[in-house]
């Protein structure tokens, strides 16, 4: 099985925090970043399965413990 190389991307850790937004009704999950000053959420990708979550964590070099989940 081939493992695809994921391009690393940066986010401003001083200004943003990683967030998973989850719909109470549908369970749909979206990964992104919330600005700690304005509260604005910037959507990055749809999380459909564990592979998508792993890709998000690897791409932005985030530990699972750093992510806040919101409903």
PDB file of N, CA and C in Angstrom:
ATOM      1  N   UNK A   1       0.847  -1.174   0.000  1.00  0.00           N
ATOM      2  CA  UNK A   1       0.000   0.000   0.000  1.00  0.00           C
ATOM      3  C   UNK A   1       0.891   1.236   0.000  1.00  0.00           C
ATOM      4  N   UNK A   2       0.524   2.216  -0.782  1.00  0.00           N
ATOM      5  CA  UNK A   2       1.310   3.440  -0.904  1.00  0.00           C
ATOM      6  C   UNK A   2       0.846   4.472   0.109  1.00  0.00           C
ATOM      7  N   UNK A   3       1.806   5.166   0.681  1.00  0.00           N
ATOM      8  CA  UNK A   3       1.498   6.252   1.620  1.00  0.00           C
ATOM      9  C   UNK A   3       1.787   7.560   0.905  1.00  0.00           C
ATOM     10  N   UNK A   4       0.768   8.373   0.737  1.00  0.00           N
ATOM     11  CA  UNK A   4       0.990   9.630   0.030  1.00  0.00           C
ATOM     12  C   UNK A   4       1.635  10.656   0.956  1.00  0.00           C
ATOM     13  N   UNK A   5       2.477  11.469   0.371  1.00  0.00           N
ATOM     14  CA  UNK A   5       3.179  12.501   1.125  1.00  0.00           C
ATOM     15  C   UNK A   5       2.251  13.705   1.283  1.00  0.00           C
ATOM     16  N   UNK A   6       2.095  14.166   2.509  1.00  0.00           N
ATOM     17  CA  UNK A   6       1.215  15.291   2.797  1.00  0.00           C
ATOM     18  C   UNK A   6       2.053  16.550   2.933  1.00  0.00           C
ATOM     19  N   UNK A   7       1.665  17.570   2.181  1.00  0.00           N
ATOM     20  CA  UNK A   7       2.373  18.845   2.224  1.00  0.00           C
ATOM     21  C   UNK A   7       2.099  19.527   3.569  1.00  0.00           C
ATOM     22  N   UNK A   8       3.163  19.904   4.254  1.00  0.00           N
ATOM     23  CA  UNK A   8       3.033  20.593   5.539  1.00  0.00           C
ATOM     24  C   UNK A   8       2.623  22.040   5.304  1.00  0.00           C
ATOM     25  N   UNK A   9       1.710  22.512   6.121  1.00  0.00           N
ATOM     26  CA  UNK A   9       1.264  23.900   6.062  1.00  0.00           C
ATOM     27  C   UNK A   9       1.319  24.471   7.477  1.00  0.00           C
ATOM     28  N   UNK A  10       1.460  25.773   7.547  1.00  0.00           N
ATOM     29  CA  UNK A  10       1.564  26.425   8.852  1.00  0.00           C
ATOM     30  C   UNK A  10       0.312  27.243   9.142  1.00  0.00           C
ATOM     31  N   UNK A  11       0.060  27.421  10.410  1.00  0.00           N
ATOM     32  CA  UNK A  11      -0.977  28.351  10.847  1.00  0.00           C
ATOM     33  C   UNK A  11      -0.382  29.165  11.975  1.00  0.00           C
ATOM     34  N   UNK A  12      -0.954  30.299  12.271  1.00  0.00           N
ATOM     35  CA  UNK A  12      -0.413  31.193  13.288  1.00  0.00           C
ATOM     36  C   UNK A  12      -0.871  30.722  14.672  1.00  0.00           C
ATOM     37  N   UNK A  13       0.009  30.025  15.375  1.00  0.00           N
ATOM     38  CA  UNK A  13      -0.339  29.451  16.676  1.00  0.00           C
ATOM     39  C   UNK A  13      -0.591  30.518  17.739  1.00  0.00           C
ATOM     40  N   UNK A  14      -0.084  31.725  17.523  1.00  0.00           N
ATOM     41  CA  UNK A  14      -0.318  32.816  18.472  1.00  0.00           C
ATOM     42  C   UNK A  14      -1.686  33.466  18.268  1.00  0.00           C
ATOM     43  N   UNK A  15      -2.260  33.314  17.075  1.00  0.00           N
ATOM     44  CA  UNK A  15      -3.516  33.978  16.729  1.00  0.00           C
ATOM     45  C   UNK A  15      -4.682  33.013  16.527  1.00  0.00           C
ATOM     46  N   UNK A  16      -4.394  31.726  16.273  1.00  0.00           N
ATOM     47  CA  UNK A  16      -5.442  30.770  15.940  1.00  0.00           C
ATOM     48  C   UNK A  16      -5.311  29.500  16.775  1.00  0.00           C
ATOM     49  N   UNK A  17      -6.453  28.829  16.953  1.00  0.00           N
ATOM     50  CA  UNK A  17      -6.442  27.523  17.604  1.00  0.00           C
ATOM     51  C   UNK A  17      -7.193  26.532  16.725  1.00  0.00           C
ATOM     52  N   UNK A  18      -6.713  25.281  16.644  1.00  0.00           N
ATOM     53  CA  UNK A  18      -7.385  24.269  15.828  1.00  0.00           C
ATOM     54  C   UNK A  18      -8.707  23.851  16.457  1.00  0.00           C
ATOM     55  N   UNK A  19      -9.717  23.690  15.594  1.00  0.00           N
ATOM     56  CA  UNK A  19     -11.068  23.370  16.056  1.00  0.00           C
ATOM     57  C   UNK A  19     -11.707  22.368  15.099  1.00  0.00           C
ATOM     58  N   UNK A  20     -12.493  21.454  15.654  1.00  0.00           N
ATOM     59  CA  UNK A  20     -13.362  20.583  14.857  1.00  0.00           C
ATOM     60  C   UNK A  20     -14.787  21.008  15.165  1.00  0.00           C
ATOM     61  N   UNK A  21     -15.492  21.455  14.140  1.00  0.00           N
ATOM     62  CA  UNK A  21     -16.911  21.816  14.302  1.00  0.00           C
ATOM     63  C   UNK A  21     -17.737  20.612  13.891  1.00  0.00           C
ATOM     64  N   UNK A  22     -18.652  20.224  14.758  1.00  0.00           N
ATOM     65  CA  UNK A  22     -19.479  19.049  14.513  1.00  0.00           C
ATOM     66  C   UNK A  22     -20.947  19.432  14.582  1.00  0.00           C
ATOM     67  N   UNK A  23     -21.718  19.003  13.596  1.00  0.00           N
ATOM     68  CA  UNK A  23     -23.145  19.269  13.570  1.00  0.00           C
ATOM     69  C   UNK A  23     -23.862  18.298  14.504  1.00  0.00           C
ATOM     70  N   UNK A  24     -24.692  18.828  15.372  1.00  0.00           N
ATOM     71  CA  UNK A  24     -25.481  17.975  16.273  1.00  0.00           C
ATOM     72  C   UNK A  24     -26.481  17.144  15.466  1.00  0.00           C
ATOM     73  N   UNK A  25     -27.055  17.734  14.438  1.00  0.00           N
ATOM     74  CA  UNK A  25     -28.096  17.061  13.647  1.00  0.00           C
ATOM     75  C   UNK A  25     -27.542  15.971  12.730  1.00  0.00           C
ATOM     76  N   UNK A  26     -26.506  16.293  11.961  1.00  0.00           N
ATOM     77  CA  UNK A  26     -26.019  15.370  10.941  1.00  0.00           C
ATOM     78  C   UNK A  26     -24.736  14.652  11.325  1.00  0.00           C
ATOM     79  N   UNK A  27     -24.010  15.165  12.303  1.00  0.00           N
ATOM     80  CA  UNK A  27     -22.736  14.572  12.684  1.00  0.00           C
ATOM     81  C   UNK A  27     -21.591  14.987  11.778  1.00  0.00           C
ATOM     82  N   UNK A  28     -21.882  15.815  10.755  1.00  0.00           N
ATOM     83  CA  UNK A  28     -20.832  16.282   9.852  1.00  0.00           C
ATOM     84  C   UNK A  28     -19.766  17.040  10.640  1.00  0.00           C
ATOM     85  N   UNK A  29     -18.499  16.774  10.309  1.00  0.00           N
ATOM     86  CA  UNK A  29     -17.389  17.418  10.999  1.00  0.00           C
ATOM     87  C   UNK A  29     -16.537  18.205  10.010  1.00  0.00           C
ATOM     88  N   UNK A  30     -16.153  19.406  10.435  1.00  0.00           N
ATOM     89  CA  UNK A  30     -15.312  20.276   9.617  1.00  0.00           C
ATOM     90  C   UNK A  30     -14.131  20.725  10.473  1.00  0.00           C
ATOM     91  N   UNK A  31     -12.924  20.589   9.926  1.00  0.00           N
ATOM     92  CA  UNK A  31     -11.714  21.027  10.626  1.00  0.00           C
ATOM     93  C   UNK A  31     -11.344  22.424  10.159  1.00  0.00           C
ATOM     94  N   UNK A  32     -10.830  23.203  11.098  1.00  0.00           N
ATOM     95  CA  UNK A  32     -10.402  24.544  10.746  1.00  0.00           C
ATOM     96  C   UNK A  32      -9.746  25.220  11.924  1.00  0.00           C
ATOM     97  N   UNK A  33      -9.698  26.553  11.851  1.00  0.00           N
ATOM     98  CA  UNK A  33      -9.032  27.332  12.887  1.00  0.00           C
ATOM     99  C   UNK A  33      -9.915  28.492  13.322  1.00  0.00           C
ATOM    100  N   UNK A  34      -9.940  28.735  14.623  1.00  0.00           N
ATOM    101  CA  UNK A  34     -10.698  29.847  15.184  1.00  0.00           C
ATOM    102  C   UNK A  34      -9.706  30.921  15.624  1.00  0.00           C
ATOM    103  N   UNK A  35      -9.961  32.158  15.169  1.00  0.00           N
ATOM    104  CA  UNK A  35      -9.142  33.294  15.570  1.00  0.00           C
ATOM    105  C   UNK A  35      -9.419  33.574  17.046  1.00  0.00           C
ATOM    106  N   UNK A  36      -8.380  33.611  17.871  1.00  0.00           N
ATOM    107  CA  UNK A  36      -8.583  33.751  19.321  1.00  0.00           C
ATOM    108  C   UNK A  36      -9.020  35.158  19.710  1.00  0.00           C
ATOM    109  N   UNK A  37      -8.855  36.135  18.809  1.00  0.00           N
ATOM    110  CA  UNK A  37      -9.240  37.509  19.121  1.00  0.00           C
ATOM    111  C   UNK A  37     -10.649  37.848  18.623  1.00  0.00           C
ATOM    112  N   UNK A  38     -10.963  37.412  17.413  1.00  0.00           N
ATOM    113  CA  UNK A  38     -12.256  37.772  16.819  1.00  0.00           C
ATOM    114  C   UNK A  38     -13.298  36.664  16.938  1.00  0.00           C
ATOM    115  N   UNK A  39     -12.841  35.411  17.122  1.00  0.00           N
ATOM    116  CA  UNK A  39     -13.766  34.283  17.185  1.00  0.00           C
ATOM    117  C   UNK A  39     -14.144  33.749  15.818  1.00  0.00           C
ATOM    118  N   UNK A  40     -13.632  34.363  14.741  1.00  0.00           N
ATOM    119  CA  UNK A  40     -13.961  33.938  13.380  1.00  0.00           C
ATOM    120  C   UNK A  40     -13.384  32.552  13.118  1.00  0.00           C
ATOM    121  N   UNK A  41     -14.222  31.669  12.533  1.00  0.00           N
ATOM    122  CA  UNK A  41     -13.805  30.314  12.184  1.00  0.00           C
ATOM    123  C   UNK A  41     -13.456  30.264  10.706  1.00  0.00           C
ATOM    124  N   UNK A  42     -12.288  29.692  10.395  1.00  0.00           N
ATOM    125  CA  UNK A  42     -11.874  29.499   9.010  1.00  0.00           C
ATOM    126  C   UNK A  42     -11.850  28.003   8.731  1.00  0.00           C
ATOM    127  N   UNK A  43     -12.726  27.567   7.833  1.00  0.00           N
ATOM    128  CA  UNK A  43     -12.849  26.160   7.477  1.00  0.00           C
ATOM    129  C   UNK A  43     -11.679  25.743   6.600  1.00  0.00           C
ATOM    130  N   UNK A  44     -11.114  24.556   6.902  1.00  0.00           N
ATOM    131  CA  UNK A  44      -9.984  24.058   6.124  1.00  0.00           C
ATOM    132  C   UNK A  44     -10.371  22.809   5.335  1.00  0.00           C
ATOM    133  N   UNK A  45     -11.025  21.847   6.002  1.00  0.00           N
ATOM    134  CA  UNK A  45     -11.392  20.620   5.296  1.00  0.00           C
ATOM    135  C   UNK A  45     -12.516  19.871   6.000  1.00  0.00           C
ATOM    136  N   UNK A  46     -13.238  19.100   5.224  1.00  0.00           N
ATOM    137  CA  UNK A  46     -14.291  18.230   5.730  1.00  0.00           C
ATOM    138  C   UNK A  46     -13.638  16.966   6.291  1.00  0.00           C
ATOM    139  N   UNK A  47     -14.075  16.549   7.462  1.00  0.00           N
ATOM    140  CA  UNK A  47     -13.567  15.326   8.081  1.00  0.00           C
ATOM    141  C   UNK A  47     -14.625  14.242   7.918  1.00  0.00           C
ATOM    142  N   UNK A  48     -14.379  13.303   7.001  1.00  0.00           N
ATOM    143  CA  UNK A  48     -15.328  12.230   6.727  1.00  0.00           C
ATOM    144  C   UNK A  48     -14.985  10.944   7.457  1.00  0.00           C
ATOM    145  N   UNK A  49     -13.677  10.789   7.789  1.00  0.00           N
ATOM    146  CA  UNK A  49     -13.236   9.545   8.422  1.00  0.00           C
ATOM    147  C   UNK A  49     -11.908   9.775   9.153  1.00  0.00           C
ATOM    148  N   UNK A  50     -11.370   8.722   9.751  1.00  0.00           N
ATOM    149  CA  UNK A  50     -10.115   8.834  10.499  1.00  0.00           C
ATOM    150  C   UNK A  50      -8.952   9.260   9.615  1.00  0.00           C
ATOM    151  N   UNK A  51      -8.958   8.830   8.385  1.00  0.00           N
ATOM    152  CA  UNK A  51      -7.877   9.197   7.454  1.00  0.00           C
ATOM    153  C   UNK A  51      -7.851  10.704   7.225  1.00  0.00           C
ATOM    154  N   UNK A  52      -9.029  11.314   7.068  1.00  0.00           N
ATOM    155  CA  UNK A  52      -9.101  12.770   6.906  1.00  0.00           C
ATOM    156  C   UNK A  52      -8.578  13.477   8.155  1.00  0.00           C
ATOM    157  N   UNK A  53      -8.940  12.964   9.331  1.00  0.00           N
ATOM    158  CA  UNK A  53      -8.474  13.555  10.580  1.00  0.00           C
ATOM    159  C   UNK A  53      -6.948  13.465  10.682  1.00  0.00           C
ATOM    160  N   UNK A  54      -6.406  12.307  10.364  1.00  0.00           N
ATOM    161  CA  UNK A  54      -4.953  12.123  10.393  1.00  0.00           C
ATOM    162  C   UNK A  54      -4.263  13.077   9.421  1.00  0.00           C
ATOM    163  N   UNK A  55      -4.854  13.272   8.251  1.00  0.00           N
ATOM    164  CA  UNK A  55      -4.278  14.195   7.268  1.00  0.00           C
ATOM    165  C   UNK A  55      -4.260  15.627   7.809  1.00  0.00           C
ATOM    166  N   UNK A  56      -5.346  16.060   8.435  1.00  0.00           N
ATOM    167  CA  UNK A  56      -5.416  17.398   9.024  1.00  0.00           C
ATOM    168  C   UNK A  56      -4.344  17.564  10.100  1.00  0.00           C
ATOM    169  N   UNK A  57      -4.238  16.579  10.993  1.00  0.00           N
ATOM    170  CA  UNK A  57      -3.257  16.644  12.068  1.00  0.00           C
ATOM    171  C   UNK A  57      -1.833  16.690  11.530  1.00  0.00           C
ATOM    172  N   UNK A  58      -1.552  15.869  10.527  1.00  0.00           N
ATOM    173  CA  UNK A  58      -0.207  15.822   9.958  1.00  0.00           C
ATOM    174  C   UNK A  58       0.113  17.084   9.157  1.00  0.00           C
ATOM    175  N   UNK A  59      -0.836  17.546   8.368  1.00  0.00           N
ATOM    176  CA  UNK A  59      -0.602  18.717   7.517  1.00  0.00           C
ATOM    177  C   UNK A  59      -0.239  19.955   8.340  1.00  0.00           C
ATOM    178  N   UNK A  60      -0.900  20.126   9.486  1.00  0.00           N
ATOM    179  CA  UNK A  60      -0.669  21.320  10.296  1.00  0.00           C
ATOM    180  C   UNK A  60       0.162  21.036  11.547  1.00  0.00           C
ATOM    181  N   UNK A  61       0.709  19.819  11.649  1.00  0.00           N
ATOM    182  CA  UNK A  61       1.556  19.419  12.773  1.00  0.00           C
ATOM    183  C   UNK A  61       0.867  19.700  14.114  1.00  0.00           C
ATOM    184  N   UNK A  62      -0.310  19.101  14.271  1.00  0.00           N
ATOM    185  CA  UNK A  62      -1.149  19.299  15.453  1.00  0.00           C
ATOM    186  C   UNK A  62      -1.279  17.973  16.192  1.00  0.00           C
ATOM    187  N   UNK A  63      -1.221  18.027  17.512  1.00  0.00           N
ATOM    188  CA  UNK A  63      -1.496  16.851  18.337  1.00  0.00           C
ATOM    189  C   UNK A  63      -2.999  16.809  18.609  1.00  0.00           C
ATOM    190  N   UNK A  64      -3.563  15.639  18.666  1.00  0.00           N
ATOM    191  CA  UNK A  64      -5.000  15.481  18.885  1.00  0.00           C
ATOM    192  C   UNK A  64      -5.465  16.213  20.149  1.00  0.00           C
ATOM    193  N   UNK A  65      -4.613  16.258  21.160  1.00  0.00           N
ATOM    194  CA  UNK A  65      -4.965  16.906  22.428  1.00  0.00           C
ATOM    195  C   UNK A  65      -5.128  18.425  22.278  1.00  0.00           C
ATOM    196  N   UNK A  66      -4.584  19.006  21.219  1.00  0.00           N
ATOM    197  CA  UNK A  66      -4.661  20.451  21.003  1.00  0.00           C
ATOM    198  C   UNK A  66      -5.998  20.890  20.411  1.00  0.00           C
ATOM    199  N   UNK A  67      -6.740  19.952  19.854  1.00  0.00           N
ATOM    200  CA  UNK A  67      -7.968  20.301  19.128  1.00  0.00           C
ATOM    201  C   UNK A  67      -9.159  20.401  20.068  1.00  0.00           C
ATOM    202  N   UNK A  68      -9.901  21.491  19.919  1.00  0.00           N
ATOM    203  CA  UNK A  68     -11.135  21.684  20.659  1.00  0.00           C
ATOM    204  C   UNK A  68     -12.286  21.286  19.730  1.00  0.00           C
ATOM    205  N   UNK A  69     -13.263  20.593  20.257  1.00  0.00           N
ATOM    206  CA  UNK A  69     -14.433  20.198  19.471  1.00  0.00           C
ATOM    207  C   UNK A  69     -15.593  21.095  19.857  1.00  0.00           C
ATOM    208  N   UNK A  70     -16.278  21.623  18.858  1.00  0.00           N
ATOM    209  CA  UNK A  70     -17.433  22.503  19.074  1.00  0.00           C
ATOM    210  C   UNK A  70     -18.656  21.930  18.374  1.00  0.00           C
ATOM    211  N   UNK A  71     -19.834  22.211  18.984  1.00  0.00           N
ATOM    212  CA  UNK A  71     -21.104  21.803  18.374  1.00  0.00           C
ATOM    213  C   UNK A  71     -21.919  22.999  18.017  1.00  0.00           C
TER     214      UNK A  71
END
